[in-house]
Amino acid sequence: MSFAVVAASGAIVLLLLRGSLPGRVGRAAYLATIALYGLITLVAIVPSLVDDVGLGATAVQVEAVLLVVLVFFGVNVAWLLLFDDTPAAGSQPSQQRPASG
């Protein structure tokens, strides 16, 4: 049940705190994260889905793999944001003035 509570909380927080999403990669990562949280919640609430799909794993194993994927994506998105050239909120891009001669 702890997987369900944490995953549902993660999805709710992301939905409530959505901000500006930088480009297609940002939107894709945001939607993939919410989908992963939703899938983890679903497997945690209805563990028999794993057997119904025919996976040769337990529900806890599926939840653990999904959480590893979630962490992997999170680290990569953080890495992309670290090197993002988007100006900070409230700052104005510097304007170069032509040299007067």
Protein backbone atom coordinates (compact mmCIF):
# COMPACT_ATOMS: atom_id res chain seq x y z
CA MET A 1 0.00 0.00 0.00
CA SER A 2 2.95 2.33 0.56
CA PHE A 3 3.77 2.19 -3.18
CA ALA A 4 0.22 3.31 -3.95
CA VAL A 5 0.29 6.21 -1.50
CA VAL A 6 3.69 7.50 -2.63
CA ALA A 7 2.97 7.12 -6.35
CA ALA A 8 -0.48 8.72 -6.11
CA SER A 9 1.02 11.58 -4.09
CA GLY A 10 3.73 12.08 -6.70
CA ALA A 11 1.20 12.25 -9.51
CA ILE A 12 -1.03 14.67 -7.59
CA VAL A 13 1.90 16.96 -6.73
CA LEU A 14 3.02 17.04 -10.35
CA LEU A 15 -0.48 17.88 -11.51
CA LEU A 16 -0.85 20.67 -8.93
CA LEU A 17 2.59 22.20 -9.44
CA ARG A 18 2.84 22.09 -13.17
CA GLY A 19 4.79 24.99 -14.47
CA SER A 20 6.31 26.03 -17.73
CA LEU A 21 7.63 23.06 -19.63
CA PRO A 22 10.71 23.76 -21.71
CA GLY A 23 10.06 22.32 -25.17
CA ARG A 24 8.89 18.94 -26.32
CA VAL A 25 11.36 17.05 -24.16
CA GLY A 26 10.04 18.76 -21.04
CA ARG A 27 6.42 18.01 -21.93
CA ALA A 28 7.23 14.39 -22.80
CA ALA A 29 9.14 13.90 -19.54
CA TYR A 30 6.31 15.49 -17.55
CA LEU A 31 3.63 13.31 -19.13
CA ALA A 32 5.78 10.16 -18.90
CA THR A 33 6.37 10.81 -15.21
CA ILE A 34 2.67 11.20 -14.48
CA ALA A 35 1.94 8.03 -16.50
CA LEU A 36 4.60 6.07 -14.59
CA TYR A 37 3.25 7.27 -11.25
CA GLY A 38 -0.26 6.30 -12.37
CA LEU A 39 0.88 2.85 -13.48
CA ILE A 40 2.70 2.25 -10.20
CA THR A 41 -0.44 3.30 -8.31
CA LEU A 42 -2.60 1.01 -10.41
CA VAL A 43 -0.33 -2.02 -9.91
CA ALA A 44 -0.10 -1.31 -6.18
CA ILE A 45 -3.88 -1.08 -5.77
CA VAL A 46 -4.73 -4.00 -8.08
CA PRO A 47 -1.73 -6.38 -7.99
CA SER A 48 -3.66 -9.08 -9.85
CA LEU A 49 -3.21 -7.00 -13.03
CA VAL A 50 0.35 -8.32 -13.26
CA ASP A 51 -0.93 -11.90 -13.44
CA ASP A 52 -3.73 -10.92 -15.83
CA VAL A 53 -1.20 -9.42 -18.25
CA GLY A 54 0.87 -12.59 -18.03
CA LEU A 55 4.11 -11.17 -16.69
CA GLY A 56 6.36 -13.65 -14.95
CA ALA A 57 6.97 -11.31 -12.03
CA THR A 58 5.28 -10.33 -8.82
CA ALA A 59 3.49 -7.02 -8.41
CA VAL A 60 6.23 -5.74 -6.09
CA GLN A 61 8.87 -6.55 -8.71
CA VAL A 62 6.93 -4.67 -11.37
CA GLU A 63 6.52 -1.68 -9.04
CA ALA A 64 10.24 -1.73 -8.25
CA VAL A 65 11.19 -1.79 -11.94
CA LEU A 66 8.81 1.08 -12.68
CA LEU A 67 10.32 3.09 -9.81
CA VAL A 68 13.83 2.45 -11.17
CA VAL A 69 12.69 3.70 -14.58
CA LEU A 70 11.16 6.75 -12.89
CA VAL A 71 14.39 7.54 -11.06
CA PHE A 72 16.41 7.01 -14.26
CA PHE A 73 14.22 9.46 -16.15
CA GLY A 74 14.35 11.92 -13.26
CA VAL A 75 18.15 11.93 -13.20
CA ASN A 76 18.32 12.43 -16.95
CA VAL A 77 15.79 15.27 -16.94
CA ALA A 78 17.71 16.93 -14.09
CA TRP A 79 20.89 16.57 -16.16
CA LEU A 80 19.19 18.18 -19.17
CA LEU A 81 17.88 21.04 -17.03
CA LEU A 82 21.34 21.61 -15.58
CA PHE A 83 22.61 22.55 -19.02
CA ASP A 84 19.46 24.29 -20.26
CA ASP A 85 20.04 27.76 -21.76
CA THR A 86 16.59 29.04 -20.85
CA PRO A 87 16.83 32.41 -19.08
CA ALA A 88 15.68 32.53 -15.46
CA ALA A 89 12.16 33.79 -14.75
CA GLY A 90 12.02 37.56 -14.46
CA SER A 91 15.36 38.15 -16.18
CA GLN A 92 15.52 39.83 -19.52
CA PRO A 93 17.84 38.65 -22.24
CA SER A 94 20.81 40.90 -22.75
CA GLN A 95 20.51 43.11 -25.76
CA GLN A 96 23.56 43.96 -27.78
CA ARG A 97 23.60 47.49 -29.01
CA PRO A 98 25.17 48.26 -32.34
CA ALA A 99 28.43 50.10 -32.05
CA SER A 100 28.03 53.73 -32.95
CA GLY A 101 30.73 54.99 -35.19
